[in-house]
Amino acid sequence: MFFTTRAKLFVLFTFASFLAGNVKSDSASGCCASWYGDDKPCSDCTGTFFYENNFTCRNSIQPGLVESTSGKDCISFTVSESECSAAGLHYISASSNNGWGCPANTTDTDTTPSSALALDGLFGLIFASVVTFLFV
């Protein structure tokens, strides 16, 4: 049995909307760290590689989004995992630190699971289905 054009478009748009509804922010994915949580001065977070790749020195943000004044982080969110490793630095992935990854700030958290049952993905799927059904 062949699908009509309307049914094909409905399935295609619904699937595309489902995929778009589950994208996370870059800061939730990971960072490249020269060091994380160490007692080092920010003057150690300098140099051509650090300047060209937007490294920043800040008070360390520990798991649970707790800012620590006893340690510092020298990190960049713009360096890929492969570039980070090639430079001899440490890449902190989203699954590191018991799933907290490398937060951009103390309010940067995404506790929503990345699954089809996540509210944003489910809402996107329902919304896309309704819109497609009405306009196709």
N, C-alpha and C. Protein backbone atom coordinates (compact mmCIF):
# COMPACT_ATOMS: atom_id res chain seq x y z
N MET A 1 0.84 -1.17 0.00
CA MET A 1 0.00 0.00 0.00
C MET A 1 0.89 1.24 0.00
N PHE A 2 0.57 2.19 -0.82
CA PHE A 2 1.37 3.41 -0.94
C PHE A 2 0.80 4.50 -0.06
N PHE A 3 1.74 5.23 0.57
CA PHE A 3 1.32 6.37 1.39
C PHE A 3 0.99 7.54 0.48
N THR A 4 0.04 8.32 0.88
CA THR A 4 -0.25 9.54 0.15
C THR A 4 0.83 10.57 0.46
N THR A 5 0.90 11.61 -0.33
CA THR A 5 1.88 12.67 -0.10
C THR A 5 1.68 13.30 1.27
N ARG A 6 0.43 13.47 1.65
CA ARG A 6 0.13 14.08 2.96
C ARG A 6 0.67 13.22 4.10
N ALA A 7 0.50 11.92 4.01
CA ALA A 7 0.97 11.02 5.05
C ALA A 7 2.50 11.00 5.10
N LYS A 8 3.15 11.02 3.94
CA LYS A 8 4.61 11.04 3.89
C LYS A 8 5.14 12.32 4.55
N LEU A 9 4.58 13.45 4.23
CA LEU A 9 5.01 14.71 4.82
C LEU A 9 4.77 14.73 6.33
N PHE A 10 3.65 14.17 6.75
CA PHE A 10 3.34 14.10 8.16
C PHE A 10 4.41 13.31 8.92
N VAL A 11 4.76 12.16 8.42
CA VAL A 11 5.77 11.31 9.07
C VAL A 11 7.13 12.00 9.05
N LEU A 12 7.52 12.57 7.93
CA LEU A 12 8.81 13.23 7.81
C LEU A 12 8.92 14.43 8.76
N PHE A 13 7.92 15.29 8.78
CA PHE A 13 7.96 16.48 9.63
C PHE A 13 7.93 16.10 11.12
N THR A 14 7.14 15.09 11.46
CA THR A 14 7.06 14.64 12.85
C THR A 14 8.42 14.10 13.32
N PHE A 15 9.07 13.29 12.50
CA PHE A 15 10.36 12.74 12.86
C PHE A 15 11.41 13.84 12.99
N ALA A 16 11.45 14.79 12.07
CA ALA A 16 12.40 15.90 12.11
C ALA A 16 12.18 16.75 13.35
N SER A 17 10.95 17.00 13.71
CA SER A 17 10.65 17.79 14.91
C SER A 17 11.06 17.07 16.17
N PHE A 18 10.90 15.77 16.18
CA PHE A 18 11.32 14.98 17.34
C PHE A 18 12.83 15.11 17.55
N LEU A 19 13.60 15.02 16.48
CA LEU A 19 15.05 15.15 16.58
C LEU A 19 15.45 16.54 17.06
N ALA A 20 14.81 17.56 16.54
CA ALA A 20 15.15 18.94 16.92
C ALA A 20 14.77 19.23 18.37
N GLY A 21 13.81 18.54 18.91
CA GLY A 21 13.36 18.79 20.27
C GLY A 21 14.27 18.24 21.35
N ASN A 22 15.31 17.49 20.97
CA ASN A 22 16.18 16.87 21.97
C ASN A 22 17.62 17.37 21.91
N VAL A 23 17.86 18.58 21.41
CA VAL A 23 19.20 19.13 21.31
C VAL A 23 19.54 19.85 22.61
N LYS A 24 20.75 19.61 23.13
CA LYS A 24 21.19 20.27 24.36
C LYS A 24 22.14 21.41 24.03
N SER A 25 22.35 22.28 25.02
CA SER A 25 23.25 23.40 24.82
C SER A 25 24.70 22.94 24.78
N ASP A 26 25.58 23.76 24.17
CA ASP A 26 26.99 23.42 24.08
C ASP A 26 27.63 23.28 25.44
N SER A 27 27.31 24.17 26.35
CA SER A 27 27.96 24.13 27.66
C SER A 27 27.61 22.85 28.42
N ALA A 28 26.49 22.24 28.09
CA ALA A 28 26.12 20.99 28.75
C ALA A 28 26.86 19.80 28.15
N SER A 29 27.55 20.02 27.01
CA SER A 29 28.20 18.90 26.36
C SER A 29 29.63 18.66 26.83
N GLY A 30 30.35 19.68 27.24
CA GLY A 30 31.71 19.47 27.71
C GLY A 30 32.59 20.68 27.47
N CYS A 31 33.82 20.57 27.95
CA CYS A 31 34.78 21.66 27.78
C CYS A 31 36.20 21.10 27.76
N CYS A 32 37.12 21.92 27.29
CA CYS A 32 38.53 21.59 27.32
C CYS A 32 39.13 22.32 28.52
N ALA A 33 39.84 21.58 29.36
CA ALA A 33 40.38 22.18 30.58
C ALA A 33 41.90 22.02 30.65
N SER A 34 42.56 23.13 30.90
CA SER A 34 43.98 23.07 31.22
C SER A 34 44.10 22.52 32.64
N TRP A 35 43.22 22.99 33.50
CA TRP A 35 43.05 22.42 34.83
C TRP A 35 41.64 22.73 35.31
N TYR A 36 41.17 21.96 36.28
CA TYR A 36 39.81 22.13 36.80
C TYR A 36 39.85 21.90 38.31
N GLY A 37 39.56 22.95 39.07
CA GLY A 37 39.50 22.85 40.51
C GLY A 37 40.83 22.93 41.23
N ASP A 38 41.90 23.22 40.50
CA ASP A 38 43.22 23.29 41.11
C ASP A 38 43.48 24.66 41.73
N ASP A 39 44.41 24.68 42.67
CA ASP A 39 44.80 25.93 43.33
C ASP A 39 45.95 26.56 42.53
N LYS A 40 45.62 27.09 41.34
CA LYS A 40 46.61 27.73 40.47
C LYS A 40 46.19 29.17 40.22
N PRO A 41 47.15 30.04 39.95
CA PRO A 41 46.79 31.43 39.63
C PRO A 41 46.28 31.54 38.19
N CYS A 42 45.42 32.51 37.95
CA CYS A 42 44.88 32.71 36.60
C CYS A 42 45.97 33.10 35.59
N SER A 43 47.10 33.59 36.08
CA SER A 43 48.20 33.94 35.17
C SER A 43 48.74 32.70 34.45
N ASP A 44 48.45 31.50 34.98
CA ASP A 44 48.85 30.26 34.30
C ASP A 44 47.89 29.90 33.16
N CYS A 45 46.80 30.63 33.02
CA CYS A 45 45.80 30.37 31.97
C CYS A 45 45.99 31.39 30.85
N THR A 46 47.22 31.57 30.43
CA THR A 46 47.54 32.55 29.39
C THR A 46 48.43 31.92 28.34
N GLY A 47 48.58 32.59 27.25
CA GLY A 47 49.42 32.11 26.15
C GLY A 47 48.63 32.13 24.86
N THR A 48 49.31 31.98 23.76
CA THR A 48 48.69 32.07 22.44
C THR A 48 47.55 31.08 22.27
N PHE A 49 47.78 29.81 22.60
CA PHE A 49 46.73 28.80 22.44
C PHE A 49 45.50 29.16 23.28
N PHE A 50 45.73 29.61 24.50
CA PHE A 50 44.62 29.95 25.40
C PHE A 50 43.85 31.17 24.88
N TYR A 51 44.56 32.18 24.39
CA TYR A 51 43.89 33.38 23.87
C TYR A 51 43.10 33.07 22.60
N GLU A 52 43.70 32.32 21.70
CA GLU A 52 43.06 32.01 20.41
C GLU A 52 41.83 31.11 20.56
N ASN A 53 41.75 30.38 21.66
CA ASN A 53 40.66 29.43 21.85
C ASN A 53 39.71 29.79 22.99
N ASN A 54 39.72 31.06 23.36
CA ASN A 54 38.75 31.60 24.33
C ASN A 54 38.76 30.89 25.68
N PHE A 55 39.94 30.57 26.19
CA PHE A 55 40.02 30.01 27.53
C PHE A 55 39.71 31.10 28.55
N THR A 56 39.08 30.70 29.62
CA THR A 56 38.76 31.63 30.69
C THR A 56 39.17 31.01 32.03
N CYS A 57 39.58 31.87 32.94
CA CYS A 57 39.91 31.42 34.29
C CYS A 57 38.79 31.92 35.20
N ARG A 58 38.28 31.05 36.02
CA ARG A 58 37.16 31.39 36.90
C ARG A 58 37.27 30.62 38.20
N ASN A 59 36.47 30.99 39.19
CA ASN A 59 36.35 30.18 40.40
C ASN A 59 35.79 28.83 39.96
N SER A 60 36.29 27.78 40.55
CA SER A 60 35.89 26.44 40.14
C SER A 60 34.42 26.18 40.46
N ILE A 61 33.74 25.53 39.52
CA ILE A 61 32.35 25.11 39.73
C ILE A 61 32.38 23.59 39.90
N GLN A 62 32.06 23.15 41.08
CA GLN A 62 32.13 21.74 41.44
C GLN A 62 30.77 21.07 41.23
N PRO A 63 30.75 19.73 41.21
CA PRO A 63 29.47 19.02 41.07
C PRO A 63 28.44 19.52 42.08
N GLY A 64 27.21 19.65 41.61
CA GLY A 64 26.16 20.23 42.43
C GLY A 64 26.06 21.72 42.19
N LEU A 65 26.85 22.23 41.21
CA LEU A 65 26.89 23.65 40.84
C LEU A 65 27.29 24.54 42.01
N VAL A 66 28.27 24.08 42.77
CA VAL A 66 28.78 24.84 43.90
C VAL A 66 30.05 25.56 43.47
N GLU A 67 30.08 26.88 43.62
CA GLU A 67 31.25 27.66 43.27
C GLU A 67 32.26 27.61 44.41
N SER A 68 33.48 27.26 44.07
CA SER A 68 34.54 27.14 45.06
C SER A 68 35.53 28.29 44.89
N THR A 69 35.86 28.97 45.98
CA THR A 69 36.86 30.05 45.91
C THR A 69 38.25 29.51 46.22
N SER A 70 38.37 28.24 46.58
CA SER A 70 39.68 27.68 46.89
C SER A 70 40.36 27.08 45.66
N GLY A 71 39.62 26.93 44.58
CA GLY A 71 40.20 26.39 43.35
C GLY A 71 39.76 27.17 42.15
N LYS A 72 40.48 27.02 41.05
CA LYS A 72 40.18 27.72 39.80
C LYS A 72 40.02 26.71 38.68
N ASP A 73 39.31 27.13 37.63
CA ASP A 73 39.17 26.36 36.40
C ASP A 73 39.75 27.18 35.26
N CYS A 74 40.52 26.56 34.39
CA CYS A 74 41.00 27.21 33.16
C CYS A 74 40.40 26.39 32.02
N ILE A 75 39.32 26.90 31.43
CA ILE A 75 38.51 26.11 30.50
C ILE A 75 38.14 26.88 29.24
N SER A 76 37.77 26.11 28.21
CA SER A 76 37.23 26.67 26.98
C SER A 76 36.11 25.77 26.48
N PHE A 77 35.03 26.40 26.03
CA PHE A 77 33.91 25.65 25.46
C PHE A 77 33.99 25.57 23.94
N THR A 78 35.02 26.19 23.34
CA THR A 78 35.12 26.24 21.88
C THR A 78 36.12 25.24 21.30
N VAL A 79 36.88 24.55 22.13
CA VAL A 79 37.88 23.60 21.66
C VAL A 79 37.25 22.20 21.60
N SER A 80 37.41 21.53 20.47
CA SER A 80 36.86 20.18 20.31
C SER A 80 37.65 19.18 21.16
N GLU A 81 37.06 18.01 21.34
CA GLU A 81 37.72 16.97 22.13
C GLU A 81 39.05 16.57 21.50
N SER A 82 39.08 16.44 20.17
CA SER A 82 40.32 16.03 19.51
C SER A 82 41.39 17.11 19.61
N GLU A 83 41.03 18.38 19.43
CA GLU A 83 42.00 19.47 19.57
C GLU A 83 42.52 19.56 21.00
N CYS A 84 41.64 19.35 21.95
CA CYS A 84 42.01 19.40 23.37
C CYS A 84 43.04 18.32 23.68
N SER A 85 42.78 17.11 23.23
CA SER A 85 43.71 16.01 23.48
C SER A 85 45.04 16.24 22.77
N ALA A 86 44.99 16.76 21.54
CA ALA A 86 46.21 17.03 20.78
C ALA A 86 47.08 18.07 21.46
N ALA A 87 46.47 19.00 22.18
CA ALA A 87 47.21 20.04 22.90
C ALA A 87 47.72 19.54 24.26
N GLY A 88 47.40 18.30 24.60
CA GLY A 88 47.84 17.73 25.87
C GLY A 88 46.99 18.18 27.05
N LEU A 89 45.77 18.64 26.76
CA LEU A 89 44.87 19.10 27.81
C LEU A 89 43.81 18.03 28.07
N HIS A 90 42.94 18.28 29.03
CA HIS A 90 41.93 17.30 29.45
C HIS A 90 40.55 17.75 28.99
N TYR A 91 39.85 16.88 28.26
CA TYR A 91 38.48 17.18 27.83
C TYR A 91 37.51 16.62 28.86
N ILE A 92 36.62 17.46 29.36
CA ILE A 92 35.61 17.03 30.34
C ILE A 92 34.30 16.87 29.58
N SER A 93 33.84 15.64 29.46
CA SER A 93 32.62 15.36 28.70
C SER A 93 31.37 15.57 29.55
N ALA A 94 30.22 15.50 28.92
CA ALA A 94 28.95 15.69 29.62
C ALA A 94 28.71 14.62 30.67
N SER A 95 29.29 13.45 30.51
CA SER A 95 29.08 12.37 31.48
C SER A 95 30.07 12.44 32.64
N SER A 96 31.05 13.33 32.58
CA SER A 96 32.02 13.47 33.67
C SER A 96 31.37 14.09 34.90
N ASN A 97 32.03 13.99 36.02
CA ASN A 97 31.54 14.58 37.28
C ASN A 97 30.14 14.09 37.62
N ASN A 98 29.93 12.79 37.50
CA ASN A 98 28.63 12.18 37.79
C ASN A 98 27.50 12.76 36.96
N GLY A 99 27.79 13.10 35.70
CA GLY A 99 26.78 13.61 34.78
C GLY A 99 26.62 15.12 34.77
N TRP A 100 27.39 15.84 35.59
CA TRP A 100 27.30 17.32 35.58
C TRP A 100 28.15 17.92 34.48
N GLY A 101 29.09 17.17 33.96
CA GLY A 101 29.93 17.65 32.87
C GLY A 101 30.76 18.85 33.27
N CYS A 102 30.70 19.87 32.44
CA CYS A 102 31.48 21.09 32.64
C CYS A 102 30.53 22.28 32.53
N PRO A 103 29.87 22.65 33.62
CA PRO A 103 28.87 23.72 33.55
C PRO A 103 29.49 25.07 33.22
N ALA A 104 28.77 25.87 32.45
CA ALA A 104 29.24 27.21 32.07
C ALA A 104 29.16 28.17 33.25
N ASN A 105 28.18 27.97 34.14
CA ASN A 105 28.03 28.82 35.31
C ASN A 105 27.22 28.05 36.36
N THR A 106 26.96 28.66 37.49
CA THR A 106 26.28 27.94 38.58
C THR A 106 24.79 27.74 38.33
N THR A 107 24.25 28.29 37.26
CA THR A 107 22.83 28.07 36.94
C THR A 107 22.67 27.22 35.69
N ASP A 108 23.77 26.73 35.13
CA ASP A 108 23.73 25.97 33.88
C ASP A 108 23.53 24.49 34.18
N THR A 109 22.29 24.09 34.22
CA THR A 109 22.01 22.68 34.47
C THR A 109 20.91 22.21 33.55
N ASP A 110 21.01 20.98 33.13
CA ASP A 110 19.98 20.35 32.32
C ASP A 110 19.78 18.96 32.88
N THR A 111 18.82 18.82 33.76
CA THR A 111 18.56 17.52 34.38
C THR A 111 17.56 16.71 33.58
N THR A 112 17.10 17.25 32.45
CA THR A 112 16.15 16.54 31.61
C THR A 112 16.86 15.39 30.91
N PRO A 113 16.36 14.19 30.99
CA PRO A 113 17.00 13.08 30.30
C PRO A 113 16.85 13.24 28.80
N SER A 114 17.87 12.83 28.06
CA SER A 114 17.77 12.96 26.60
C SER A 114 17.14 11.69 26.05
N SER A 115 15.83 11.60 26.15
CA SER A 115 15.10 10.44 25.63
C SER A 115 13.81 10.92 24.99
N ALA A 116 13.12 10.03 24.37
CA ALA A 116 11.87 10.38 23.71
C ALA A 116 10.81 10.82 24.70
N LEU A 117 10.99 10.52 25.98
CA LEU A 117 10.01 10.88 26.98
C LEU A 117 10.29 12.23 27.64
N ALA A 118 11.35 12.91 27.24
CA ALA A 118 11.65 14.22 27.78
C ALA A 118 10.53 15.18 27.38
N LEU A 119 10.15 16.07 28.29
CA LEU A 119 9.02 16.95 28.04
C LEU A 119 9.19 17.77 26.78
N ASP A 120 10.38 18.37 26.57
CA ASP A 120 10.57 19.19 25.38
C ASP A 120 10.45 18.36 24.10
N GLY A 121 11.00 17.15 24.10
CA GLY A 121 10.89 16.30 22.93
C GLY A 121 9.46 15.85 22.69
N LEU A 122 8.75 15.48 23.75
CA LEU A 122 7.37 15.05 23.62
C LEU A 122 6.47 16.21 23.18
N PHE A 123 6.69 17.38 23.77
CA PHE A 123 5.92 18.56 23.38
C PHE A 123 6.18 18.89 21.91
N GLY A 124 7.44 18.84 21.50
CA GLY A 124 7.79 19.12 20.11
C GLY A 124 7.14 18.14 19.17
N LEU A 125 7.10 16.88 19.57
CA LEU A 125 6.49 15.85 18.74
C LEU A 125 4.99 16.08 18.58
N ILE A 126 4.30 16.38 19.67
CA ILE A 126 2.85 16.63 19.63
C ILE A 126 2.55 17.88 18.81
N PHE A 127 3.32 18.95 19.08
CA PHE A 127 3.10 20.21 18.37
C PHE A 127 3.32 20.03 16.86
N ALA A 128 4.41 19.36 16.50
CA ALA A 128 4.69 19.14 15.08
C ALA A 128 3.61 18.30 14.42
N SER A 129 3.10 17.32 15.14
CA SER A 129 2.04 16.47 14.58
C SER A 129 0.78 17.27 14.31
N VAL A 130 0.40 18.12 15.26
CA VAL A 130 -0.81 18.93 15.10
C VAL A 130 -0.65 19.92 13.95
N VAL A 131 0.49 20.60 13.91
CA VAL A 131 0.74 21.59 12.85
C VAL A 131 0.75 20.92 11.49
N THR A 132 1.42 19.79 11.39
CA THR A 132 1.48 19.07 10.12
C THR A 132 0.10 18.63 9.67
N PHE A 133 -0.65 18.09 10.59
CA PHE A 133 -2.00 17.62 10.24
C PHE A 133 -2.90 18.77 9.76
N LEU A 134 -2.77 19.95 10.38
CA LEU A 134 -3.62 21.07 10.02
C LEU A 134 -3.24 21.73 8.69
N PHE A 135 -1.93 21.78 8.40
CA PHE A 135 -1.50 22.56 7.24
C PHE A 135 -1.09 21.75 6.03
N VAL A 136 -1.08 20.46 6.11
CA VAL A 136 -0.67 19.66 4.94
C VAL A 136 -1.88 19.05 4.29
